[in-house]
Amino acid sequence: MSDLDDFPVLVSIDFGTTFSGCAYAYIPQDKTPKLISEWPNQTMYYAKTPTVSLYKKNKGNYEMSAWGAGSKMKKGMQKPEYIHLYKFKTQLDETADLPPWKSPITVLDAIADYLKAFHEYAAGEIEQQLGKRYTRERFRYCLTVPAMWSDKAKGVMRRAAIQAGMIKQNDKEDRLMLVSEPEAAALYCERRCNEYDLKHGDRFLICDAGGGTVDLIVYDIAESAEGRKLSEVTKGHGATCGSMLIDLNFGNLLIKKFTMQGAKIQDDVTIPNLVEKFAFALKPLFNGKDDLHLELPWNSFFKSIKDPGAIGIDEDTMVFTAAELKKVVFDPVVTKVLALIRDQLDQVKNCSAIFMVGGFGSSTYLLDCVKRAYGHKVRLISAPNRPEIAVVFGAVYAGLNPRKVTARATRRCYGIEILSPFRVGIDPPELKKHLVQGLMCDHRFSKFVTKGQLVKVDECINQTYNFTYQGLQDVGGNSKISIYTIDGDPPQYVTGLHESAYILIPNLFTTADLPGKSVSFELKFYFGLSEVKVEATVLGKSYTTRLQFDIDSHVNLPRQILFNSTREY
């Protein structure tokens, strides 16, 4: 990468639904990348921190007062001036069935505030380890995002990184690289291909199962004199069916057991505390065979239970049988993961391996279920060493070698709005326009790529179009190129669709021009990396934009806006 001299420290941040982590590498003067194996301490243990924030009201406004583990330690604060935020990353998943976001802190602010605090701490630790030569002004970043996220969700993350002070609005574009989580995990697993006996032509599936989302993609291995490369075989798929749903199921099971024995849950602390104990101490141990024993705190609440033995309580311990945990807590989620894996395997032939990564991916029970379901189809089903750090470490590898993956499948259909000759009997009459070039159809969609189309890294899809001078109203103004993103098949028209981005071309025509004069321009779409870049070249000048979005202030979904990020050069 051309900017290694300017930014010799590469920091990866795995911003997760339930936990977030960090790793980094630096490029010394000899230009050989040095990976710092573990952060914050250089031991063989990598500890993530909870993605939790605590806000306190101050003079009418809420300000973050704690984050991560420090926020969780203060969870007993139930005063109205405190607000706890957690699992806010899921609000960017447009496919998730979530209640409306009602917090006075916007989703964008919640993400930006957390990233700011996380980055401040991480950057301080890294600066302390590397010394004065490598200050944070010389850092560049890889930020991981789910593969299933839309372009606008990625746009929100980029804006949050700017708001958090990680980068500046006018920084070089490649100072912040967004990397899909399963791709990062694939690069982590790729480094172990030899020990797994994976070679040229083999294909492997990455199942990145985290706290919130489960992402899956199949990769093809290609070996050459230049080394081993990967390319996507499927367009990838995912869903919000991570291990937090297991926690939710366990909480509902507790409520059912307690209420059937007459207990009245009048606080909002007892159940969350028990679920947290289950999540940290018991859930990782579940193997589908052994019962689990949950220690109960001393609490007057438990005295209200009529028959403790009927729901498995013996003194200060509550027993949950393996059968009920499978049926009620684990299997409803595991079944969804198995269906996602089946969908990927149905799209490819001869998949050689399945790698389970992520916090949920390290579950012994989930791994056993995957082996039972697909062991007859796939010869190797495994969780690599330290699967919970696969994404954050893989993101470092992605930043050091962003062209290790040579081809990706587009997640959506992309195109622009054009005028085209009107087709009588086909095009709607309301789109008919009488222009100098004849009878034209307005709002036609011109496709660049379809959803799932395989494009190579650094490959650009280009087409040539014309702006046509209609008269004096075009003098001194901007000619506009409207860009659209569709999660499905390409439409014929853009009516009813929201504009994803646009490029403005200034001052194409003058009063000396005659109506009907055409100026051609070349439009290029670059799909090679995680974000889509669009470039228009007209009259020797180029204008570029990325798909940019904003967040509505108090709702749970990103709101598309007409945000002009055009750069001329």
Protein backbone atom coordinates (compact mmCIF):
# COMPACT_ATOMS: atom_id res chain seq x y z
CA MET A 1 0.00 0.00 0.00
CA SER A 2 1.39 3.38 -0.96
CA ASP A 3 0.75 5.02 2.40
CA LEU A 4 2.81 2.68 4.62
CA ASP A 5 5.44 5.37 5.10
CA ASP A 6 2.79 7.82 6.32
CA PHE A 7 0.89 5.30 8.46
CA PRO A 8 3.27 2.54 9.59
CA VAL A 9 0.97 1.27 12.37
CA LEU A 10 -2.05 -0.80 11.36
CA VAL A 11 -4.75 -1.12 14.02
CA SER A 12 -7.67 -3.51 13.61
CA ILE A 13 -10.85 -3.10 15.63
CA ASP A 14 -13.44 -5.83 15.78
CA PHE A 15 -16.50 -3.86 16.91
CA GLY A 16 -18.83 -6.62 18.05
CA THR A 17 -22.38 -6.86 19.26
CA THR A 18 -21.44 -8.17 22.68
CA PHE A 19 -17.63 -7.86 22.79
CA SER A 20 -15.04 -5.79 20.95
CA GLY A 21 -11.35 -6.43 20.42
CA CYS A 22 -8.18 -4.90 19.02
CA ALA A 23 -4.92 -6.06 17.43
CA TYR A 24 -2.18 -4.26 15.56
CA ALA A 25 0.96 -4.54 13.48
CA TYR A 26 3.64 -2.02 12.63
CA ILE A 27 5.96 -1.51 9.69
CA PRO A 28 9.50 -0.73 10.91
CA GLN A 29 12.09 0.98 8.76
CA ASP A 30 13.12 -2.31 7.13
CA LYS A 31 9.55 -2.52 5.75
CA THR A 32 8.93 -5.99 7.24
CA PRO A 33 5.52 -6.04 9.00
CA LYS A 34 5.74 -6.90 12.68
CA LEU A 35 2.59 -8.36 14.18
CA ILE A 36 2.10 -7.70 17.86
CA SER A 37 0.64 -11.06 18.75
CA GLU A 38 -1.60 -9.97 21.58
CA TRP A 39 -3.08 -6.71 22.89
CA PRO A 40 -3.05 -5.10 25.45
CA ASN A 41 -0.49 -7.50 26.91
CA GLN A 42 1.88 -9.49 24.73
CA THR A 43 0.90 -12.82 26.25
CA MET A 44 -0.89 -15.75 24.65
CA TYR A 45 -4.20 -14.65 26.10
CA TYR A 46 -6.40 -12.19 24.23
CA ALA A 47 -9.20 -10.60 26.21
CA LYS A 48 -12.03 -8.71 24.56
CA THR A 49 -14.04 -6.07 26.37
CA PRO A 50 -17.87 -5.88 26.53
CA THR A 51 -19.59 -3.59 24.02
CA VAL A 52 -21.50 -1.79 26.75
CA SER A 53 -21.76 1.91 27.59
CA LEU A 54 -23.03 3.79 30.64
CA TYR A 55 -24.41 7.32 30.23
CA LYS A 56 -25.20 9.83 32.93
CA LYS A 57 -27.41 12.87 32.52
CA ASN A 58 -25.58 16.12 33.04
CA LYS A 59 -27.28 19.51 32.63
CA GLY A 60 -29.99 18.03 30.44
CA ASN A 61 -27.63 16.03 28.21
CA TYR A 62 -26.42 12.44 28.48
CA GLU A 63 -22.66 11.92 28.56
CA MET A 64 -20.75 8.65 28.57
CA SER A 65 -19.38 8.00 32.05
CA ALA A 66 -18.08 4.44 31.60
CA TRP A 67 -17.62 1.83 28.88
CA GLY A 68 -16.66 -1.81 28.48
CA ALA A 69 -15.97 -3.77 31.64
CA GLY A 70 -16.05 -0.56 33.68
CA SER A 71 -19.59 0.07 32.51
CA LYS A 72 -20.71 -3.42 33.45
CA MET A 73 -19.30 -3.06 36.97
CA LYS A 74 -21.58 -0.08 37.45
CA LYS A 75 -24.63 -1.91 36.22
CA GLY A 76 -26.25 -1.77 39.64
CA MET A 77 -26.89 1.91 39.17
CA GLN A 78 -30.63 2.05 38.50
CA LYS A 79 -31.15 5.75 39.04
CA PRO A 80 -33.10 7.52 36.30
CA GLU A 81 -30.14 9.74 35.40
CA TYR A 82 -28.22 6.66 34.19
CA ILE A 83 -28.73 4.84 30.89
CA HIS A 84 -27.07 1.56 29.93
CA LEU A 85 -26.65 0.85 26.22
CA TYR A 86 -25.70 -2.54 24.82
CA LYS A 87 -26.18 -4.57 21.64
CA PHE A 88 -26.60 -1.29 19.73
CA LYS A 89 -24.63 -2.68 16.79
CA THR A 90 -27.67 -4.76 15.83
CA GLN A 91 -29.58 -1.56 15.06
CA LEU A 92 -27.66 -1.31 11.78
CA ASP A 93 -28.97 -4.66 10.57
CA GLU A 94 -31.95 -3.73 8.42
CA THR A 95 -33.13 -7.35 8.29
CA ALA A 96 -33.39 -7.74 12.07
CA ASP A 97 -36.83 -7.64 13.65
CA LEU A 98 -36.08 -5.17 16.43
CA PRO A 99 -38.22 -2.80 18.47
CA PRO A 100 -37.89 0.92 17.69
CA TRP A 101 -34.84 2.67 19.10
CA LYS A 102 -36.15 4.81 21.97
CA SER A 103 -32.97 5.95 23.67
CA PRO A 104 -32.22 9.70 23.77
CA ILE A 105 -28.71 8.76 22.57
CA THR A 106 -28.81 8.19 18.80
CA VAL A 107 -27.44 5.00 17.29
CA LEU A 108 -24.70 6.93 15.52
CA ASP A 109 -23.69 8.67 18.76
CA ALA A 110 -23.76 5.40 20.71
CA ILE A 111 -21.38 3.76 18.23
CA ALA A 112 -19.15 6.83 17.90
CA ASP A 113 -18.93 7.35 21.68
CA TYR A 114 -17.96 3.73 22.26
CA LEU A 115 -15.40 3.75 19.44
CA LYS A 116 -13.93 6.99 20.79
CA ALA A 117 -13.45 5.56 24.28
CA PHE A 118 -12.21 2.22 22.96
CA HIS A 119 -9.78 3.91 20.56
CA GLU A 120 -8.46 6.32 23.17
CA TYR A 121 -7.53 3.44 25.42
CA ALA A 122 -6.16 1.23 22.65
CA ALA A 123 -4.14 4.02 21.04
CA GLY A 124 -2.66 4.94 24.41
CA GLU A 125 -1.56 1.35 25.01
CA ILE A 126 -0.07 1.03 21.53
CA GLU A 127 1.79 4.33 21.80
CA GLN A 128 3.21 3.23 25.13
CA GLN A 129 4.46 -0.04 23.63
CA LEU A 130 5.91 1.37 20.41
CA GLY A 131 7.33 4.66 21.68
CA LYS A 132 7.35 8.21 20.41
CA ARG A 133 8.16 7.30 16.82
CA TYR A 134 4.72 5.72 16.34
CA THR A 135 2.07 8.13 17.59
CA ARG A 136 -1.62 7.81 16.72
CA GLU A 137 -1.27 10.39 13.94
CA ARG A 138 0.58 7.63 12.10
CA PHE A 139 -2.07 4.93 12.63
CA ARG A 140 -4.31 3.53 9.94
CA TYR A 141 -7.26 1.29 10.67
CA CYS A 142 -9.17 -1.81 9.66
CA LEU A 143 -12.68 -1.82 11.08
CA THR A 144 -14.66 -5.04 10.73
CA VAL A 145 -18.31 -5.14 9.62
CA PRO A 146 -20.76 -8.00 8.97
CA ALA A 147 -20.80 -9.16 5.35
CA MET A 148 -24.59 -8.95 5.28
CA TRP A 149 -24.62 -5.23 6.10
CA SER A 150 -25.85 -2.78 3.49
CA ASP A 151 -23.73 0.02 2.05
CA LYS A 152 -25.55 2.51 4.23
CA ALA A 153 -24.76 0.56 7.40
CA LYS A 154 -21.09 0.61 6.36
CA GLY A 155 -21.43 4.33 5.72
CA VAL A 156 -22.66 4.81 9.28
CA MET A 157 -19.59 2.98 10.61
CA ARG A 158 -17.26 5.18 8.57
CA ARG A 159 -19.01 8.30 9.83
CA ALA A 160 -18.87 6.98 13.40
CA ALA A 161 -15.11 6.45 13.03
CA ILE A 162 -14.75 10.07 11.93
CA GLN A 163 -16.94 11.32 14.78
CA ALA A 164 -14.90 9.20 17.20
CA GLY A 165 -11.73 10.99 16.12
CA MET A 166 -10.06 7.87 14.69
CA ILE A 167 -9.70 9.55 11.30
CA LYS A 168 -10.54 12.93 9.78
CA GLN A 169 -13.05 13.66 7.05
CA ASN A 170 -10.31 14.76 4.65
CA ASP A 171 -7.87 11.91 5.37
CA LYS A 172 -6.62 9.68 2.60
CA GLU A 173 -9.31 7.18 1.69
CA ASP A 174 -7.28 4.12 2.59
CA ARG A 175 -6.48 5.31 6.10
CA LEU A 176 -9.69 3.52 7.16
CA MET A 177 -10.45 0.19 5.54
CA LEU A 178 -13.71 -1.63 6.22
CA VAL A 179 -13.25 -5.40 6.18
CA SER A 180 -16.05 -7.94 6.21
CA GLU A 181 -15.90 -10.14 9.28
CA PRO A 182 -15.98 -13.53 7.48
CA GLU A 183 -13.27 -12.34 5.07
CA ALA A 184 -11.06 -11.38 7.99
CA ALA A 185 -11.72 -14.79 9.53
CA ALA A 186 -10.92 -16.46 6.20
CA LEU A 187 -7.51 -14.78 6.13
CA TYR A 188 -6.89 -15.99 9.68
CA CYS A 189 -7.75 -19.56 8.65
CA GLU A 190 -5.85 -19.29 5.35
CA ARG A 191 -2.60 -19.04 7.27
CA ARG A 192 -3.30 -22.55 8.54
CA CYS A 193 -4.14 -24.17 5.21
CA ASN A 194 -1.01 -26.32 5.26
CA GLU A 195 -1.79 -27.88 8.63
CA TYR A 196 -5.34 -28.58 7.43
CA ASP A 197 -4.05 -30.03 4.12
CA LEU A 198 -5.99 -27.51 2.03
CA LYS A 199 -4.49 -26.82 -1.37
CA HIS A 200 -5.09 -25.31 -4.81
CA GLY A 201 -8.69 -25.74 -5.96
CA ASP A 202 -10.08 -26.56 -2.54
CA ARG A 203 -12.97 -24.57 -1.15
CA PHE A 204 -13.76 -23.78 2.46
CA LEU A 205 -16.71 -22.21 4.21
CA ILE A 206 -16.27 -19.62 6.94
CA CYS A 207 -19.05 -19.53 9.53
CA ASP A 208 -18.40 -16.47 11.68
CA ALA A 209 -20.80 -16.88 14.59
CA GLY A 210 -20.65 -14.02 17.05
CA GLY A 211 -22.83 -12.54 19.73
CA GLY A 212 -25.19 -10.76 17.35
CA THR A 213 -24.72 -11.94 13.79
CA VAL A 214 -23.73 -15.10 11.95
CA ASP A 215 -21.96 -14.48 8.61
CA LEU A 216 -21.02 -17.12 6.07
CA ILE A 217 -19.03 -17.12 2.81
CA VAL A 218 -17.34 -19.85 0.77
CA TYR A 219 -13.81 -19.20 -0.54
CA ASP A 220 -11.76 -20.84 -3.27
CA ILE A 221 -8.00 -21.39 -2.82
CA ALA A 222 -5.67 -20.57 -5.73
CA GLU A 223 -1.93 -21.20 -5.45
CA SER A 224 0.63 -19.73 -7.83
CA ALA A 225 4.18 -18.45 -7.93
CA GLU A 226 2.94 -15.27 -6.23
CA GLY A 227 1.60 -17.26 -3.30
CA ARG A 228 -1.80 -18.36 -2.09
CA LYS A 229 -4.84 -16.25 -2.96
CA LEU A 230 -8.52 -16.49 -2.06
CA SER A 231 -11.65 -15.61 -4.00
CA GLU A 232 -15.28 -15.62 -2.97
CA VAL A 233 -17.41 -18.37 -4.45
CA THR A 234 -20.74 -17.33 -2.95
CA LYS A 235 -22.06 -13.84 -2.34
CA GLY A 236 -22.23 -14.57 1.36
CA HIS A 237 -25.19 -14.59 3.64
CA GLY A 238 -26.00 -14.02 7.27
CA ALA A 239 -28.60 -13.29 9.88
CA THR A 240 -28.98 -11.88 13.37
CA CYS A 241 -28.95 -15.24 15.10
CA GLY A 242 -25.87 -15.04 17.29
CA SER A 243 -25.42 -16.24 20.83
CA MET A 244 -27.27 -13.26 22.32
CA LEU A 245 -30.46 -15.08 21.26
CA ILE A 246 -29.36 -18.00 23.42
CA ASP A 247 -29.07 -15.60 26.34
CA LEU A 248 -32.54 -14.25 25.53
CA ASN A 249 -33.97 -17.78 25.45
CA PHE A 250 -32.34 -18.56 28.79
CA GLY A 251 -33.79 -15.40 30.34
CA ASN A 252 -37.26 -16.36 29.12
CA LEU A 253 -36.80 -19.84 30.58
CA LEU A 254 -35.92 -18.33 33.96
CA ILE A 255 -38.96 -16.07 33.90
CA LYS A 256 -41.23 -19.00 33.01
CA LYS A 257 -39.85 -21.18 35.79
CA PHE A 258 -40.06 -18.47 38.44
CA THR A 259 -43.54 -17.23 37.55
CA MET A 260 -45.00 -20.76 37.44
CA GLN A 261 -43.97 -21.03 41.09
CA GLY A 262 -45.61 -17.74 42.06
CA ALA A 263 -42.52 -15.56 42.19
CA LYS A 264 -43.04 -11.92 41.28
CA ILE A 265 -40.16 -10.34 39.42
CA GLN A 266 -40.39 -6.70 40.47
CA ASP A 267 -36.89 -5.52 39.67
CA ASP A 268 -34.88 -5.36 36.48
CA VAL A 269 -31.69 -6.73 38.02
CA THR A 270 -32.30 -10.34 39.10
CA ILE A 271 -32.93 -11.92 35.69
CA PRO A 272 -30.19 -9.95 33.83
CA ASN A 273 -27.64 -10.88 36.51
CA LEU A 274 -28.51 -14.57 36.27
CA VAL A 275 -28.40 -14.44 32.46
CA GLU A 276 -24.98 -12.79 32.65
CA LYS A 277 -23.72 -15.56 34.93
CA PHE A 278 -25.05 -18.14 32.50
CA ALA A 279 -23.50 -16.40 29.50
CA PHE A 280 -20.02 -16.09 30.99
CA ALA A 281 -19.71 -19.21 33.14
CA LEU A 282 -22.06 -21.89 31.79
CA LYS A 283 -22.88 -21.29 28.13
CA PRO A 284 -19.32 -21.98 26.87
CA LEU A 285 -19.31 -25.30 28.76
CA PHE A 286 -22.53 -26.70 27.33
CA ASN A 287 -21.95 -29.86 25.31
CA GLY A 288 -25.53 -31.09 24.91
CA LYS A 289 -25.00 -33.99 27.32
CA ASP A 290 -24.30 -32.65 30.80
CA ASP A 291 -26.69 -30.71 33.01
CA LEU A 292 -25.67 -27.20 34.03
CA HIS A 293 -25.65 -25.85 37.58
CA LEU A 294 -26.27 -22.14 38.09
CA GLU A 295 -25.23 -20.59 41.39
CA LEU A 296 -27.91 -18.30 42.83
CA PRO A 297 -27.04 -15.15 44.77
CA TRP A 298 -28.53 -14.49 48.16
CA ASN A 299 -31.68 -12.55 47.35
CA SER A 300 -35.01 -12.20 49.09
CA PHE A 301 -36.63 -12.71 45.70
CA PHE A 302 -35.96 -16.45 45.83
CA LYS A 303 -37.88 -16.78 49.12
CA SER A 304 -41.08 -16.00 47.23
CA ILE A 305 -40.80 -19.20 45.17
CA LYS A 306 -43.44 -21.69 46.39
CA ASP A 307 -41.71 -24.96 45.52
CA PRO A 308 -38.00 -24.39 44.67
CA GLY A 309 -37.36 -28.10 44.10
CA ALA A 310 -39.98 -28.22 41.35
CA ILE A 311 -37.85 -25.93 39.19
CA GLY A 312 -34.48 -27.45 40.06
CA ILE A 313 -33.42 -25.23 42.96
CA ASP A 314 -31.44 -26.95 45.70
CA GLU A 315 -30.23 -24.43 48.31
CA ASP A 316 -28.06 -21.95 46.37
CA THR A 317 -27.93 -23.83 43.06
CA MET A 318 -30.40 -24.16 40.20
CA VAL A 319 -30.06 -27.19 37.91
CA PHE A 320 -30.96 -27.13 34.21
CA THR A 321 -31.11 -30.44 32.40
CA ALA A 322 -29.28 -30.90 29.12
CA ALA A 323 -32.56 -31.87 27.46
CA GLU A 324 -34.41 -28.66 28.37
CA LEU A 325 -31.41 -26.50 27.51
CA LYS A 326 -31.18 -28.06 24.07
CA LYS A 327 -34.89 -27.82 23.38
CA VAL A 328 -35.64 -24.36 24.75
CA VAL A 329 -32.35 -22.44 24.84
CA PHE A 330 -29.82 -23.68 22.29
CA ASP A 331 -31.55 -25.57 19.46
CA PRO A 332 -33.85 -22.73 18.28
CA VAL A 333 -30.68 -20.74 17.51
CA VAL A 334 -28.48 -23.62 16.36
CA THR A 335 -31.17 -24.67 13.87
CA LYS A 336 -30.98 -21.24 12.22
CA VAL A 337 -27.20 -21.48 11.94
CA LEU A 338 -27.44 -24.94 10.38
CA ALA A 339 -29.92 -23.58 7.83
CA LEU A 340 -27.51 -20.78 6.90
CA ILE A 341 -24.72 -23.32 6.39
CA ARG A 342 -26.99 -25.50 4.26
CA ASP A 343 -27.84 -22.50 2.07
CA GLN A 344 -24.14 -21.90 1.39
CA LEU A 345 -23.35 -25.56 0.71
CA ASP A 346 -26.27 -25.76 -1.72
CA GLN A 347 -24.60 -23.03 -3.81
CA VAL A 348 -21.25 -24.82 -4.25
CA LYS A 349 -19.84 -28.21 -5.06
CA ASN A 350 -17.02 -30.04 -3.31
CA CYS A 351 -16.59 -27.87 -0.23
CA SER A 352 -13.53 -29.27 1.56
CA ALA A 353 -13.82 -27.62 4.95
CA ILE A 354 -16.01 -25.64 7.31
CA PHE A 355 -14.30 -23.36 9.82
CA MET A 356 -16.30 -22.20 12.83
CA VAL A 357 -15.00 -18.89 14.18
CA GLY A 358 -16.21 -16.15 16.52
CA GLY A 359 -17.28 -16.37 20.13
CA PHE A 360 -20.34 -18.50 19.35
CA GLY A 361 -18.30 -20.39 16.76
CA SER A 362 -16.13 -21.71 19.58
CA SER A 363 -19.16 -23.45 21.14
CA THR A 364 -18.54 -27.18 21.50
CA TYR A 365 -22.25 -27.89 21.15
CA LEU A 366 -22.60 -25.84 17.94
CA LEU A 367 -19.52 -27.49 16.43
CA ASP A 368 -20.87 -30.97 17.25
CA CYS A 369 -24.23 -30.09 15.68
CA VAL A 370 -22.53 -28.89 12.49
CA LYS A 371 -20.47 -32.09 12.33
CA ARG A 372 -23.56 -34.26 12.75
CA ALA A 373 -25.47 -32.32 10.10
CA TYR A 374 -22.77 -31.97 7.43
CA GLY A 375 -19.93 -34.35 8.32
CA HIS A 376 -21.03 -36.65 5.50
CA LYS A 377 -20.67 -33.82 2.96
CA VAL A 378 -17.55 -31.99 4.17
CA ARG A 379 -14.36 -33.84 5.10
CA LEU A 380 -13.08 -31.25 7.61
CA ILE A 381 -15.23 -29.35 10.11
CA SER A 382 -13.17 -27.56 12.71
CA ALA A 383 -12.73 -24.51 14.90
CA PRO A 384 -9.21 -23.12 14.41
CA ASN A 385 -7.01 -22.28 17.37
CA ARG A 386 -8.45 -19.29 19.23
CA PRO A 387 -11.58 -18.92 17.07
CA GLU A 388 -12.76 -15.93 19.11
CA ILE A 389 -9.85 -13.79 17.83
CA ALA A 390 -10.04 -14.92 14.19
CA VAL A 391 -11.78 -11.76 13.01
CA VAL A 392 -9.63 -9.17 14.80
CA PHE A 393 -6.36 -10.85 13.81
CA GLY A 394 -7.59 -11.59 10.30
CA ALA A 395 -8.38 -7.89 9.89
CA VAL A 396 -4.71 -7.14 10.52
CA TYR A 397 -3.75 -9.58 7.78
CA ALA A 398 -6.31 -7.95 5.48
CA GLY A 399 -4.81 -4.52 6.09
CA LEU A 400 -1.27 -5.77 5.47
CA ASN A 401 -2.30 -7.53 2.28
CA PRO A 402 -5.63 -6.10 1.04
CA ARG A 403 -5.37 -8.01 -2.24
CA LYS A 404 -5.06 -11.45 -0.70
CA VAL A 405 -8.70 -11.94 -1.67
CA THR A 406 -8.73 -11.53 -5.45
CA ALA A 407 -12.46 -11.57 -6.19
CA ARG A 408 -15.68 -10.84 -4.35
CA ALA A 409 -19.35 -11.37 -5.08
CA THR A 410 -21.38 -8.17 -5.08
CA ARG A 411 -23.89 -7.98 -2.25
CA ARG A 412 -26.41 -5.90 -4.19
CA CYS A 413 -27.40 -4.65 -7.63
CA TYR A 414 -25.94 -1.27 -8.61
CA GLY A 415 -26.79 1.20 -11.36
CA ILE A 416 -27.67 4.76 -12.29
CA GLU A 417 -30.65 6.75 -13.55
CA ILE A 418 -30.64 7.57 -17.28
CA LEU A 419 -32.80 8.91 -20.10
CA SER A 420 -33.43 6.45 -22.93
CA PRO A 421 -35.60 6.40 -26.06
CA PHE A 422 -39.25 5.99 -25.16
CA ARG A 423 -40.74 2.59 -26.07
CA VAL A 424 -44.37 3.02 -27.07
CA GLY A 425 -46.55 0.39 -25.46
CA ILE A 426 -43.83 -0.63 -23.03
CA ASP A 427 -42.76 2.41 -21.01
CA PRO A 428 -45.34 4.13 -18.75
CA PRO A 429 -46.84 7.23 -20.44
CA GLU A 430 -46.14 9.34 -17.33
CA LEU A 431 -42.40 8.90 -17.92
CA LYS A 432 -42.58 10.28 -21.46
CA LYS A 433 -40.52 13.43 -22.10
CA HIS A 434 -40.19 15.52 -25.28
CA LEU A 435 -36.54 16.61 -25.47
CA VAL A 436 -34.21 17.89 -28.14
CA GLN A 437 -33.00 14.38 -28.88
CA GLY A 438 -36.56 13.14 -29.40
CA LEU A 439 -39.17 11.26 -27.39
CA MET A 440 -37.41 9.99 -24.27
CA CYS A 441 -38.24 7.88 -21.22
CA ASP A 442 -37.29 9.41 -17.89
CA HIS A 443 -36.08 7.55 -14.77
CA ARG A 444 -34.78 4.43 -16.54
CA PHE A 445 -32.39 2.21 -14.56
CA SER A 446 -29.04 1.37 -16.18
CA LYS A 447 -27.45 -1.65 -14.52
CA PHE A 448 -23.75 -1.96 -13.74
CA VAL A 449 -23.68 -5.24 -11.81
CA THR A 450 -26.28 -7.67 -10.57
CA LYS A 451 -26.47 -9.03 -7.05
CA GLY A 452 -24.05 -11.92 -6.58
CA GLN A 453 -21.91 -11.08 -9.63
CA LEU A 454 -18.24 -11.98 -9.12
CA VAL A 455 -15.86 -9.03 -9.61
CA LYS A 456 -12.10 -9.01 -9.25
CA VAL A 457 -10.21 -6.75 -6.87
CA ASP A 458 -9.13 -3.58 -8.68
CA GLU A 459 -11.52 -4.43 -11.52
CA CYS A 460 -13.75 -1.57 -12.52
CA ILE A 461 -17.04 -1.87 -14.36
CA ASN A 462 -17.34 1.02 -16.77
CA GLN A 463 -19.90 2.38 -19.21
CA THR A 464 -20.10 5.50 -21.36
CA TYR A 465 -23.05 7.91 -21.32
CA ASN A 466 -23.90 11.37 -22.63
CA PHE A 467 -25.16 14.61 -21.16
CA THR A 468 -27.26 16.45 -23.76
CA TYR A 469 -27.71 20.24 -23.72
CA GLN A 470 -31.42 21.09 -23.58
CA GLY A 471 -31.19 24.88 -23.55
CA LEU A 472 -30.44 27.87 -21.36
CA GLN A 473 -31.66 26.14 -18.20
CA ASP A 474 -28.54 23.91 -18.37
CA VAL A 475 -26.06 26.83 -18.43
CA GLY A 476 -24.00 27.41 -15.29
CA GLY A 477 -25.60 24.56 -13.37
CA ASN A 478 -24.60 21.09 -12.28
CA SER A 479 -25.23 17.92 -14.26
CA LYS A 480 -26.18 15.14 -11.88
CA ILE A 481 -25.44 11.41 -11.93
CA SER A 482 -27.80 9.57 -9.57
CA ILE A 483 -26.62 6.22 -8.18
CA TYR A 484 -28.96 3.50 -6.91
CA THR A 485 -28.51 0.35 -4.85
CA ILE A 486 -31.08 -2.45 -5.03
CA ASP A 487 -31.21 -5.54 -2.85
CA GLY A 488 -32.64 -7.75 -5.56
CA ASP A 489 -33.01 -7.98 -9.31
CA PRO A 490 -32.37 -4.87 -11.44
CA PRO A 491 -35.56 -2.83 -11.96
CA GLN A 492 -36.56 -1.16 -15.21
CA TYR A 493 -37.17 2.22 -13.57
CA VAL A 494 -35.93 4.06 -10.48
CA THR A 495 -39.33 5.52 -9.60
CA GLY A 496 -40.07 4.83 -5.95
CA LEU A 497 -36.42 4.08 -5.14
CA HIS A 498 -34.18 6.13 -2.85
CA GLU A 499 -31.08 7.67 -4.32
CA SER A 500 -28.00 6.14 -2.69
CA ALA A 501 -25.44 8.73 -3.77
CA TYR A 502 -24.76 11.19 -6.55
CA ILE A 503 -22.00 12.95 -8.44
CA LEU A 504 -22.32 16.55 -9.60
CA ILE A 505 -20.50 17.70 -12.74
CA PRO A 506 -20.32 21.54 -12.83
CA ASN A 507 -20.53 23.90 -15.78
CA LEU A 508 -20.68 21.53 -18.73
CA PHE A 509 -22.46 23.94 -21.08
CA THR A 510 -22.27 27.63 -21.98
CA THR A 511 -24.54 30.05 -23.86
CA ALA A 512 -22.40 29.46 -26.96
CA ASP A 513 -23.58 25.85 -27.14
CA LEU A 514 -26.49 24.82 -29.33
CA PRO A 515 -29.33 22.64 -27.96
CA GLY A 516 -28.63 19.03 -28.74
CA LYS A 517 -24.89 19.21 -28.07
CA SER A 518 -23.71 16.08 -26.24
CA VAL A 519 -20.82 15.67 -23.83
CA SER A 520 -19.81 12.09 -23.17
CA PHE A 521 -18.60 10.81 -19.80
CA GLU A 522 -17.22 7.51 -18.60
CA LEU A 523 -18.60 6.11 -15.37
CA LYS A 524 -16.64 3.51 -13.41
CA PHE A 525 -17.77 1.41 -10.46
CA TYR A 526 -15.07 -0.10 -8.23
CA PHE A 527 -16.31 -3.06 -6.18
CA GLY A 528 -12.99 -4.60 -5.17
CA LEU A 529 -13.00 -3.72 -1.48
CA SER A 530 -15.73 -3.57 1.13
CA GLU A 531 -17.02 -0.15 0.09
CA VAL A 532 -18.17 0.85 -3.39
CA LYS A 533 -16.42 3.76 -5.12
CA VAL A 534 -17.81 5.48 -8.21
CA GLU A 535 -15.76 7.64 -10.58
CA ALA A 536 -16.97 9.84 -13.45
CA THR A 537 -14.54 11.18 -16.05
CA VAL A 538 -15.71 14.03 -18.26
CA LEU A 539 -13.75 16.56 -20.32
CA GLY A 540 -10.48 15.35 -18.82
CA LYS A 541 -11.54 15.71 -15.18
CA SER A 542 -12.51 12.97 -12.76
CA TYR A 543 -15.04 13.11 -9.94
CA THR A 544 -15.34 10.37 -7.34
CA THR A 545 -17.73 9.48 -4.55
CA ARG A 546 -18.43 6.67 -2.14
CA LEU A 547 -21.91 5.63 -1.15
CA GLN A 548 -22.53 7.83 1.89
CA PHE A 549 -25.39 7.79 4.36
CA ASP A 550 -26.53 9.29 7.63
CA ILE A 551 -28.59 8.08 10.55
CA ASP A 552 -31.96 9.42 11.54
CA SER A 553 -31.67 10.82 15.03
CA HIS A 554 -34.02 8.60 17.04
CA VAL A 555 -34.81 5.54 14.94
CA ASN A 556 -33.14 2.18 14.74
CA LEU A 557 -32.39 2.16 11.00
CA PRO A 558 -30.08 4.25 8.86
CA ARG A 559 -31.87 6.86 6.77
CA GLN A 560 -30.62 7.46 3.26
CA ILE A 561 -29.82 11.06 2.46
CA LEU A 562 -28.55 12.86 -0.60
CA PHE A 563 -25.03 13.37 0.64
CA ASN A 564 -22.61 14.75 -1.94
CA SER A 565 -19.15 13.42 -1.19
CA THR A 566 -17.83 14.19 -4.66
CA ARG A 567 -14.12 14.79 -4.96
CA GLU A 568 -12.65 16.39 -8.09
CA TYR A 569 -9.12 15.83 -9.28
